[in-house]
Amino acid sequence: MFPWFSDIFRSFSSRYLANKLHHAVLLSGASGIGKYQLAQELGNTLLCKAPSLEGACNQCQSCYLRIAGNHPDLYVLESEKQLGVDKIREGIAKLSGTAQMSGNKVLLIPNADTMTEAAANALLKTLEEPTANTYLLLITNSVTKLMPTILSRCEKHALGLPSVELSLNYLKDNGVEDASEALLAAYGHAPLRVEAALKGEEEFSYRTFNDDFQALLAGDANSQAHRLAKKWQDNAVLAAQWCMQKARGDYMNSQNSSDYTRYVKCVEVTKTLQHPGVNKSMVLFGLLKQFQR
């Protein structure tokens, strides 16, 4: 369990052991903080035959089946795009019977905000009147995208960002030796996003951006700006946001009006780049020229 979730996880475990855990739990918060892993650990605890405050025992028959990836009472509903009504009905059907392991049944919905309206409506009855020993764990990065009727039937937990200290300690413990507050800020202070990017799971990383940005400052601004604008155009919004972070840092350190003007330009460009049909390379080129010293 991630250290920033240890308290809430123990609270979930304690309430479950006291038969006070709500049957439908909704976890919301920023991407990259570990909501899915928290839901998984809670689900593991609910399926375990000998759970404790620390979670599942990982030694009972139920845990062995879950670890092997074939627990008969654990259902995960995922879809590449929208989560349709047929998928939801399939999950509900599996919950309707008796638990094969004579314990709890757990339905995990990792991207609950992708449910279509029909899918959400199909889930409502199960949320209102769940079958015995059934738990539904919903996860979302954007709680506002969920129907009010879904929200009203769940126990809602808004999960905040981990502290900088906990995040940096986690990253360093997991091999990110150059972890810094600037690096963390580049990924919205979400440590798992940093970890994924630096392990090559994201093609455009802050580390790559920073190396290129230093080359921009050190070299011929016109040619470097042109080169980087073309290189970054597929990730234009993110590149502009990182430029904005650089400009803000410059202004905070210098309090110079020119640095503030550059920061404002970054804000404007970030908004412009989100409009359809914009020539991203040209807009980025204009922004990068602003950093010419």
Protein backbone atom coordinates (compact mmCIF):
# COMPACT_ATOMS: atom_id res chain seq x y z
CA MET A 1 0.00 0.00 0.00
CA PHE A 2 1.26 3.48 -0.84
CA PRO A 3 2.24 5.35 2.35
CA TRP A 4 -0.07 8.27 1.60
CA PHE A 5 -3.06 5.91 1.64
CA SER A 6 -2.14 3.89 4.73
CA ASP A 7 -4.53 5.78 7.05
CA ILE A 8 -7.57 5.60 4.80
CA PHE A 9 -6.89 1.95 4.01
CA ARG A 10 -6.74 1.07 7.70
CA SER A 11 -10.00 2.99 8.16
CA PHE A 12 -11.63 0.92 5.40
CA SER A 13 -10.32 -2.31 6.93
CA SER A 14 -11.44 -1.34 10.42
CA ARG A 15 -14.95 -0.47 9.28
CA TYR A 16 -15.22 -3.66 7.24
CA LEU A 17 -14.15 -5.79 10.19
CA ALA A 18 -16.80 -4.01 12.26
CA ASN A 19 -19.45 -4.61 9.55
CA LYS A 20 -19.76 -0.86 8.98
CA LEU A 21 -18.34 -0.49 5.45
CA HIS A 22 -20.78 0.80 2.84
CA HIS A 23 -21.51 -1.63 0.00
CA ALA A 24 -20.64 0.96 -2.70
CA VAL A 25 -17.40 2.96 -2.37
CA LEU A 26 -16.39 5.66 -4.86
CA LEU A 27 -12.74 6.77 -4.96
CA SER A 28 -12.06 9.99 -6.82
CA GLY A 29 -8.92 12.05 -7.33
CA ALA A 30 -6.17 13.01 -9.73
CA SER A 31 -4.66 10.50 -12.12
CA GLY A 32 -1.43 8.92 -10.97
CA ILE A 33 -1.93 8.86 -7.20
CA GLY A 34 -2.79 5.17 -6.87
CA LYS A 35 -6.59 5.05 -6.63
CA TYR A 36 -6.74 1.77 -8.54
CA GLN A 37 -4.16 0.14 -6.28
CA LEU A 38 -6.08 1.32 -3.20
CA ALA A 39 -9.30 -0.17 -4.59
CA GLN A 40 -7.48 -3.40 -5.41
CA GLU A 41 -6.14 -3.72 -1.86
CA LEU A 42 -9.59 -3.04 -0.45
CA GLY A 43 -11.07 -5.66 -2.79
CA ASN A 44 -8.39 -8.14 -1.74
CA THR A 45 -9.33 -7.55 1.90
CA LEU A 46 -13.03 -8.05 1.19
CA LEU A 47 -12.33 -11.41 -0.50
CA CYS A 48 -9.86 -12.69 2.09
CA LYS A 49 -10.94 -15.38 4.57
CA ALA A 50 -8.73 -14.01 7.35
CA PRO A 51 -8.44 -10.23 6.87
CA SER A 52 -6.86 -7.85 9.36
CA LEU A 53 -6.38 -4.12 9.69
CA GLU A 54 -3.34 -4.51 7.44
CA GLY A 55 -5.44 -6.09 4.70
CA ALA A 56 -5.59 -9.53 3.10
CA CYS A 57 -3.61 -12.39 4.63
CA ASN A 58 -2.33 -13.62 1.22
CA GLN A 59 -2.25 -17.15 2.64
CA CYS A 60 -5.83 -18.44 2.55
CA GLN A 61 -7.40 -20.30 -0.37
CA SER A 62 -9.28 -17.21 -1.48
CA CYS A 63 -6.08 -15.16 -1.54
CA TYR A 64 -4.25 -17.86 -3.49
CA LEU A 65 -6.95 -17.81 -6.15
CA ARG A 66 -6.88 -14.02 -6.32
CA ILE A 67 -3.08 -13.92 -6.57
CA ALA A 68 -3.27 -16.50 -9.38
CA GLY A 69 -5.65 -14.18 -11.21
CA ASN A 70 -8.70 -16.42 -11.27
CA HIS A 71 -10.79 -15.60 -8.20
CA PRO A 72 -14.39 -16.56 -9.10
CA ASP A 73 -15.98 -13.76 -7.06
CA LEU A 74 -13.90 -10.82 -8.31
CA TYR A 75 -15.14 -8.99 -11.39
CA VAL A 76 -13.39 -6.05 -13.06
CA LEU A 77 -15.32 -4.04 -15.66
CA GLU A 78 -13.06 -2.21 -18.11
CA SER A 79 -13.36 -0.89 -21.64
CA GLU A 80 -10.96 0.85 -24.01
CA LYS A 81 -13.42 3.71 -24.52
CA GLN A 82 -16.92 3.95 -23.10
CA LEU A 83 -18.30 1.40 -20.67
CA GLY A 84 -21.55 0.26 -22.26
CA VAL A 85 -24.74 -1.15 -20.85
CA ASP A 86 -23.98 -4.71 -22.00
CA LYS A 87 -20.76 -4.76 -20.00
CA ILE A 88 -22.54 -3.47 -16.89
CA ARG A 89 -25.33 -6.03 -17.25
CA GLU A 90 -22.72 -8.75 -17.60
CA GLY A 91 -21.15 -7.68 -14.32
CA ILE A 92 -24.50 -7.41 -12.55
CA ALA A 93 -25.43 -10.91 -13.72
CA LYS A 94 -22.29 -12.32 -12.13
CA LEU A 95 -23.18 -10.63 -8.85
CA SER A 96 -26.68 -12.04 -8.74
CA GLY A 97 -25.71 -15.55 -7.71
CA THR A 98 -24.20 -16.94 -4.53
CA ALA A 99 -20.48 -16.35 -3.99
CA GLN A 100 -18.57 -19.40 -5.20
CA MET A 101 -16.11 -19.07 -2.33
CA SER A 102 -18.92 -18.62 0.20
CA GLY A 103 -17.66 -15.14 1.03
CA ASN A 104 -18.01 -11.72 -0.56
CA LYS A 105 -18.40 -10.74 -4.20
CA VAL A 106 -16.51 -7.68 -5.44
CA LEU A 107 -17.21 -5.65 -8.58
CA LEU A 108 -14.44 -3.19 -9.48
CA ILE A 109 -15.07 -0.42 -12.04
CA PRO A 110 -11.74 1.39 -12.64
CA ASN A 111 -13.05 4.15 -14.96
CA ALA A 112 -16.58 4.68 -13.71
CA ASP A 113 -16.87 8.07 -15.44
CA THR A 114 -16.74 6.33 -18.85
CA MET A 115 -20.11 4.64 -18.27
CA THR A 116 -22.75 5.60 -20.81
CA GLU A 117 -26.05 6.95 -19.47
CA ALA A 118 -27.70 3.60 -20.17
CA ALA A 119 -24.90 1.75 -18.36
CA ALA A 120 -25.16 4.04 -15.34
CA ASN A 121 -28.92 3.56 -15.20
CA ALA A 122 -28.44 -0.22 -15.39
CA LEU A 123 -26.11 -0.06 -12.40
CA LEU A 124 -28.50 1.97 -10.24
CA LYS A 125 -30.69 -0.90 -9.05
CA THR A 126 -27.65 -2.89 -7.93
CA LEU A 127 -26.35 0.18 -6.08
CA GLU A 128 -29.74 0.62 -4.40
CA GLU A 129 -30.42 -3.03 -3.63
CA PRO A 130 -27.23 -5.08 -3.81
CA THR A 131 -27.30 -8.83 -3.40
CA ALA A 132 -25.98 -10.23 -0.14
CA ASN A 133 -22.27 -9.92 0.58
CA THR A 134 -21.70 -7.73 -2.48
CA TYR A 135 -19.34 -4.74 -2.69
CA LEU A 136 -18.98 -2.31 -5.57
CA LEU A 137 -15.77 -0.27 -5.86
CA LEU A 138 -15.87 2.60 -8.33
CA ILE A 139 -12.91 4.77 -9.38
CA THR A 140 -12.85 8.06 -11.27
CA ASN A 141 -10.46 10.86 -12.16
CA SER A 142 -13.41 13.21 -12.73
CA VAL A 143 -16.28 12.90 -10.30
CA THR A 144 -18.25 15.60 -12.14
CA LYS A 145 -18.67 13.23 -15.11
CA LEU A 146 -20.71 10.78 -13.03
CA MET A 147 -24.49 10.98 -12.90
CA PRO A 148 -25.87 12.52 -9.68
CA THR A 149 -27.95 9.38 -9.12
CA ILE A 150 -24.75 7.28 -9.07
CA LEU A 151 -23.02 9.71 -6.72
CA SER A 152 -25.93 9.75 -4.29
CA ARG A 153 -25.82 5.99 -3.85
CA CYS A 154 -22.10 5.69 -3.14
CA GLU A 155 -19.92 6.45 -0.16
CA LYS A 156 -17.66 9.10 -1.69
CA HIS A 157 -13.97 9.56 -0.91
CA ALA A 158 -12.10 12.42 -2.57
CA LEU A 159 -8.41 11.51 -2.43
CA GLY A 160 -5.91 14.35 -2.37
CA LEU A 161 -2.41 14.54 -3.78
CA PRO A 162 0.35 12.99 -1.65
CA SER A 163 2.69 15.36 0.14
CA VAL A 164 5.87 16.33 -1.69
CA GLU A 165 7.94 14.56 0.96
CA LEU A 166 6.07 11.26 0.68
CA SER A 167 6.09 11.42 -3.12
CA LEU A 168 9.81 12.12 -3.39
CA ASN A 169 10.66 9.41 -0.87
CA TYR A 170 8.52 6.94 -2.83
CA LEU A 171 10.18 7.84 -6.14
CA LYS A 172 13.70 7.60 -4.72
CA ASP A 173 12.88 4.27 -3.09
CA ASN A 174 11.72 3.06 -6.51
CA GLY A 175 14.81 4.01 -8.43
CA VAL A 176 14.16 7.61 -9.46
CA GLU A 177 17.40 8.98 -8.03
CA ASP A 178 17.04 12.46 -9.54
CA ALA A 179 13.51 12.96 -8.20
CA SER A 180 12.90 16.61 -7.42
CA GLU A 181 10.00 18.91 -6.61
CA ALA A 182 10.24 20.41 -10.12
CA LEU A 183 9.99 16.95 -11.67
CA LEU A 184 7.02 16.13 -9.45
CA ALA A 185 5.31 19.42 -10.31
CA ALA A 186 5.74 18.67 -14.02
CA TYR A 187 3.39 15.72 -13.58
CA GLY A 188 0.82 17.44 -11.41
CA HIS A 189 2.44 16.18 -8.17
CA ALA A 190 1.25 12.67 -9.05
CA PRO A 191 4.15 10.30 -8.25
CA LEU A 192 2.89 7.36 -10.30
CA ARG A 193 2.76 9.56 -13.41
CA VAL A 194 6.42 10.46 -12.82
CA GLU A 195 7.32 6.82 -12.36
CA ALA A 196 5.50 5.76 -15.53
CA ALA A 197 7.08 8.52 -17.61
CA LEU A 198 10.63 7.78 -16.50
CA LYS A 199 10.20 4.07 -17.08
CA GLY A 200 9.44 4.78 -20.71
CA GLU A 201 5.70 4.27 -20.58
CA GLU A 202 5.23 7.82 -21.87
CA GLU A 203 7.10 8.86 -25.01
CA PHE A 204 7.35 12.55 -24.08
CA SER A 205 8.89 12.87 -20.62
CA TYR A 206 9.82 15.91 -18.55
CA ARG A 207 13.40 14.71 -18.50
CA THR A 208 13.51 14.83 -22.32
CA PHE A 209 11.74 18.19 -22.34
CA ASN A 210 14.16 19.65 -19.83
CA ASP A 211 17.22 18.54 -21.81
CA ASP A 212 15.79 20.09 -24.97
CA PHE A 213 14.80 23.26 -23.13
CA GLN A 214 18.34 23.74 -21.85
CA ALA A 215 19.56 23.36 -25.43
CA LEU A 216 17.09 26.08 -26.44
CA LEU A 217 18.54 28.46 -23.87
CA ALA A 218 22.14 27.64 -24.73
CA GLY A 219 21.95 27.56 -28.55
CA ASP A 220 20.70 29.66 -31.42
CA ALA A 221 17.19 30.54 -30.28
CA ASN A 222 15.64 30.75 -33.76
CA SER A 223 16.87 27.39 -35.06
CA GLN A 224 16.35 25.62 -31.74
CA ALA A 225 12.85 27.03 -31.39
CA HIS A 226 11.96 25.83 -34.88
CA ARG A 227 13.40 22.37 -34.22
CA LEU A 228 11.65 21.93 -30.88
CA ALA A 229 8.32 23.29 -32.12
CA LYS A 230 8.23 20.54 -34.73
CA LYS A 231 9.48 17.92 -32.28
CA TRP A 232 6.94 18.81 -29.59
CA GLN A 233 3.87 19.51 -31.71
CA ASP A 234 2.26 16.14 -30.92
CA ASN A 235 2.54 17.00 -27.21
CA ALA A 236 2.06 20.73 -27.63
CA VAL A 237 -0.25 21.39 -24.67
CA LEU A 238 1.97 19.52 -22.24
CA ALA A 239 5.09 21.24 -23.61
CA ALA A 240 3.42 24.64 -23.16
CA GLN A 241 2.41 23.75 -19.60
CA TRP A 242 5.99 22.82 -18.79
CA CYS A 243 7.22 26.06 -20.37
CA MET A 244 4.70 27.85 -18.15
CA GLN A 245 6.16 26.09 -15.12
CA LYS A 246 9.65 27.28 -16.16
CA ALA A 247 8.44 30.84 -16.69
CA ARG A 248 6.63 30.91 -13.37
CA GLY A 249 9.78 29.71 -11.60
CA ASP A 250 11.84 32.41 -13.31
CA TYR A 251 9.40 35.10 -12.24
CA MET A 252 9.17 33.87 -8.66
CA ASN A 253 12.96 34.03 -8.42
CA SER A 254 13.50 37.35 -10.22
CA GLN A 255 10.25 39.33 -9.88
CA ASN A 256 11.15 40.89 -13.26
CA SER A 257 8.32 42.15 -15.45
CA SER A 258 9.83 40.43 -18.51
CA ASP A 259 9.62 37.05 -16.78
CA TYR A 260 6.02 37.76 -15.81
CA THR A 261 5.17 38.69 -19.40
CA ARG A 262 6.68 35.41 -20.55
CA TYR A 263 4.59 33.53 -18.00
CA VAL A 264 1.38 35.24 -19.17
CA LYS A 265 2.27 34.34 -22.75
CA CYS A 266 2.61 30.69 -21.72
CA VAL A 267 -0.84 30.77 -20.14
CA GLU A 268 -2.35 32.24 -23.31
CA VAL A 269 -0.59 29.76 -25.58
CA THR A 270 -1.68 26.79 -23.45
CA LYS A 271 -5.30 27.87 -23.94
CA THR A 272 -4.82 28.53 -27.67
CA LEU A 273 -3.32 25.09 -28.27
CA GLN A 274 -6.48 23.42 -27.00
CA HIS A 275 -8.53 24.87 -29.85
CA PRO A 276 -9.13 22.54 -32.82
CA GLY A 277 -7.40 23.38 -36.09
CA VAL A 278 -4.56 25.35 -34.53
CA ASN A 279 -1.14 25.08 -36.17
CA LYS A 280 0.56 23.73 -33.08
CA SER A 281 4.09 23.90 -34.45
CA MET A 282 3.70 27.59 -35.36
CA VAL A 283 2.15 28.49 -32.00
CA LEU A 284 4.89 26.65 -30.12
CA PHE A 285 7.56 28.36 -32.23
CA GLY A 286 6.19 31.75 -31.23
CA LEU A 287 6.19 30.75 -27.57
CA LEU A 288 9.71 29.31 -27.57
CA LYS A 289 11.05 32.50 -29.17
CA GLN A 290 9.91 34.27 -26.01
CA PHE A 291 12.62 32.46 -24.08
CA GLN A 292 15.41 33.99 -26.16
CA ARG A 293 17.77 35.77 -23.79
